[in-house]
Amino acid sequence: DVEDYGIIQTQRSPGVGFIMVVKAKEGKVDAVKAAVEQVLADKVGQAFYPEEKEISESAEVRVDGNLVSLLILNKEVASDAVAKYEELIK
């Protein structure tokens, strides 16, 4: 279902974020989106600090063509990170 993917996350807790971008194979976007939504559910369930849970619950799964992305970002970095993401996927 996956052609390629990349993950970046902070290495401290509570961290500022987790970004996963998955390039789905043709016709597999829905399957990949379901898998990414499960990753999000797991992140919410694994949140140890209240801040981590709040950030995870406000996370966004995005679909842009064949790219399915999970953006778990705190308010301090969210706008800059989303702007950079949108610039890079053009």
C-alpha atoms as a PDB file:
ATOM      1  CA  ASP A   1       0.000   0.000   0.000  1.00  0.00           C
ATOM      2  CA  VAL A   2       2.966   2.319   0.678  1.00  0.00           C
ATOM      3  CA  GLU A   3       5.418   3.588  -1.905  1.00  0.00           C
ATOM      4  CA  ASP A   4       7.535   5.648   0.517  1.00  0.00           C
ATOM      5  CA  TYR A   5       7.323   7.352   3.904  1.00  0.00           C
ATOM      6  CA  GLY A   6       9.157   9.582   6.351  1.00  0.00           C
ATOM      7  CA  ILE A   7       8.789  10.225  10.086  1.00  0.00           C
ATOM      8  CA  ILE A   8      10.266  12.937  12.243  1.00  0.00           C
ATOM      9  CA  GLN A   9       9.578  13.443  15.928  1.00  0.00           C
ATOM     10  CA  THR A  10      11.018  15.156  18.930  1.00  0.00           C
ATOM     11  CA  GLN A  11      13.172  13.058  21.210  1.00  0.00           C
ATOM     12  CA  ARG A  12      11.935  14.495  24.496  1.00  0.00           C
ATOM     13  CA  SER A  13       8.682  14.289  26.420  1.00  0.00           C
ATOM     14  CA  PRO A  14       6.545  16.169  26.234  1.00  0.00           C
ATOM     15  CA  GLY A  15       7.800  16.958  22.761  1.00  0.00           C
ATOM     16  CA  VAL A  16       6.693  19.563  20.284  1.00  0.00           C
ATOM     17  CA  GLY A  17       5.585  17.149  17.655  1.00  0.00           C
ATOM     18  CA  PHE A  18       5.449  14.174  15.371  1.00  0.00           C
ATOM     19  CA  ILE A  19       5.167  14.362  11.589  1.00  0.00           C
ATOM     20  CA  MET A  20       4.616  11.356   9.343  1.00  0.00           C
ATOM     21  CA  VAL A  21       4.229  11.644   5.575  1.00  0.00           C
ATOM     22  CA  VAL A  22       3.284   8.536   3.600  1.00  0.00           C
ATOM     23  CA  LYS A  23       3.182   8.295  -0.184  1.00  0.00           C
ATOM     24  CA  ALA A  24       0.437   5.806  -1.007  1.00  0.00           C
ATOM     25  CA  LYS A  25       0.536   3.599  -4.065  1.00  0.00           C
ATOM     26  CA  GLU A  26      -2.024   4.377  -6.724  1.00  0.00           C
ATOM     27  CA  GLY A  27      -5.519   3.495  -5.480  1.00  0.00           C
ATOM     28  CA  LYS A  28      -4.358   2.843  -1.910  1.00  0.00           C
ATOM     29  CA  VAL A  29      -4.933   6.274  -0.332  1.00  0.00           C
ATOM     30  CA  ASP A  30      -7.959   5.132   1.686  1.00  0.00           C
ATOM     31  CA  ALA A  31      -6.112   2.118   3.119  1.00  0.00           C
ATOM     32  CA  VAL A  32      -3.091   4.248   4.019  1.00  0.00           C
ATOM     33  CA  LYS A  33      -5.320   6.924   5.551  1.00  0.00           C
ATOM     34  CA  ALA A  34      -6.960   4.283   7.768  1.00  0.00           C
ATOM     35  CA  ALA A  35      -3.522   3.081   8.894  1.00  0.00           C
ATOM     36  CA  VAL A  36      -2.373   6.635   9.631  1.00  0.00           C
ATOM     37  CA  GLU A  37      -5.566   7.289  11.592  1.00  0.00           C
ATOM     38  CA  GLN A  38      -4.715   4.200  13.668  1.00  0.00           C
ATOM     39  CA  VAL A  39      -1.248   5.634  14.341  1.00  0.00           C
ATOM     40  CA  LEU A  40      -2.969   8.782  15.591  1.00  0.00           C
ATOM     41  CA  ALA A  41      -5.291   6.763  17.833  1.00  0.00           C
ATOM     42  CA  ASP A  42      -2.253   4.926  19.216  1.00  0.00           C
ATOM     43  CA  LYS A  43      -0.457   8.228  19.881  1.00  0.00           C
ATOM     44  CA  VAL A  44      -3.485   9.545  21.790  1.00  0.00           C
ATOM     45  CA  GLY A  45      -3.650   6.323  23.807  1.00  0.00           C
ATOM     46  CA  GLN A  46       0.088   6.351  24.558  1.00  0.00           C
ATOM     47  CA  ALA A  47       0.214   9.985  25.653  1.00  0.00           C
ATOM     48  CA  PHE A  48       1.767  10.136  29.118  1.00  0.00           C
ATOM     49  CA  TYR A  49       1.667  13.852  29.825  1.00  0.00           C
ATOM     50  CA  PRO A  50      -1.593  15.837  29.635  1.00  0.00           C
ATOM     51  CA  GLU A  51       0.042  18.173  27.105  1.00  0.00           C
ATOM     52  CA  GLU A  52       0.876  15.234  24.829  1.00  0.00           C
ATOM     53  CA  LYS A  53      -2.704  13.979  24.958  1.00  0.00           C
ATOM     54  CA  GLU A  54      -4.100  17.444  24.183  1.00  0.00           C
ATOM     55  CA  ILE A  55      -1.725  17.904  21.239  1.00  0.00           C
ATOM     56  CA  SER A  56      -2.504  14.420  19.892  1.00  0.00           C
ATOM     57  CA  GLU A  57      -6.253  14.927  20.176  1.00  0.00           C
ATOM     58  CA  SER A  58      -5.996  18.122  18.129  1.00  0.00           C
ATOM     59  CA  ALA A  59      -3.800  16.473  15.479  1.00  0.00           C
ATOM     60  CA  GLU A  60      -4.586  16.484  11.812  1.00  0.00           C
ATOM     61  CA  VAL A  61      -4.525  13.691   9.231  1.00  0.00           C
ATOM     62  CA  ARG A  62      -4.217  15.278   5.813  1.00  0.00           C
ATOM     63  CA  VAL A  63      -4.627  13.835   2.345  1.00  0.00           C
ATOM     64  CA  ASP A  64      -2.957  15.703  -0.512  1.00  0.00           C
ATOM     65  CA  GLY A  65      -3.080  13.631  -3.680  1.00  0.00           C
ATOM     66  CA  ASN A  66      -1.239  10.382  -2.877  1.00  0.00           C
ATOM     67  CA  LEU A  67       0.319  11.844   0.280  1.00  0.00           C
ATOM     68  CA  VAL A  68      -1.260  10.983   3.629  1.00  0.00           C
ATOM     69  CA  SER A  69       0.226  12.944   6.500  1.00  0.00           C
ATOM     70  CA  LEU A  70      -0.119  13.007  10.249  1.00  0.00           C
ATOM     71  CA  LEU A  71       0.793  16.298  11.897  1.00  0.00           C
ATOM     72  CA  ILE A  72       0.908  16.232  15.693  1.00  0.00           C
ATOM     73  CA  LEU A  73       2.216  19.669  16.600  1.00  0.00           C
ATOM     74  CA  ASN A  74       2.056  21.945  19.596  1.00  0.00           C
ATOM     75  CA  LYS A  75       0.844  25.518  19.188  1.00  0.00           C
ATOM     76  CA  GLU A  76       4.376  26.943  19.290  1.00  0.00           C
ATOM     77  CA  VAL A  77       5.455  25.266  16.057  1.00  0.00           C
ATOM     78  CA  ALA A  78       2.202  24.310  14.327  1.00  0.00           C
ATOM     79  CA  SER A  79       1.746  27.308  12.018  1.00  0.00           C
ATOM     80  CA  ASP A  80       5.379  27.330  10.855  1.00  0.00           C
ATOM     81  CA  ALA A  81       5.465  23.552  10.388  1.00  0.00           C
ATOM     82  CA  VAL A  82       2.176  23.466   8.448  1.00  0.00           C
ATOM     83  CA  ALA A  83       3.346  26.345   6.221  1.00  0.00           C
ATOM     84  CA  LYS A  84       6.605  24.505   5.486  1.00  0.00           C
ATOM     85  CA  TYR A  85       4.698  21.266   4.842  1.00  0.00           C
ATOM     86  CA  GLU A  86       2.399  23.003   2.355  1.00  0.00           C
ATOM     87  CA  GLU A  87       5.396  24.577   0.621  1.00  0.00           C
ATOM     88  CA  LEU A  88       7.187  21.233   0.304  1.00  0.00           C
ATOM     89  CA  ILE A  89       4.260  19.246  -1.117  1.00  0.00           C
ATOM     90  CA  LYS A  90       3.593  21.657  -3.987  1.00  0.00           C
END
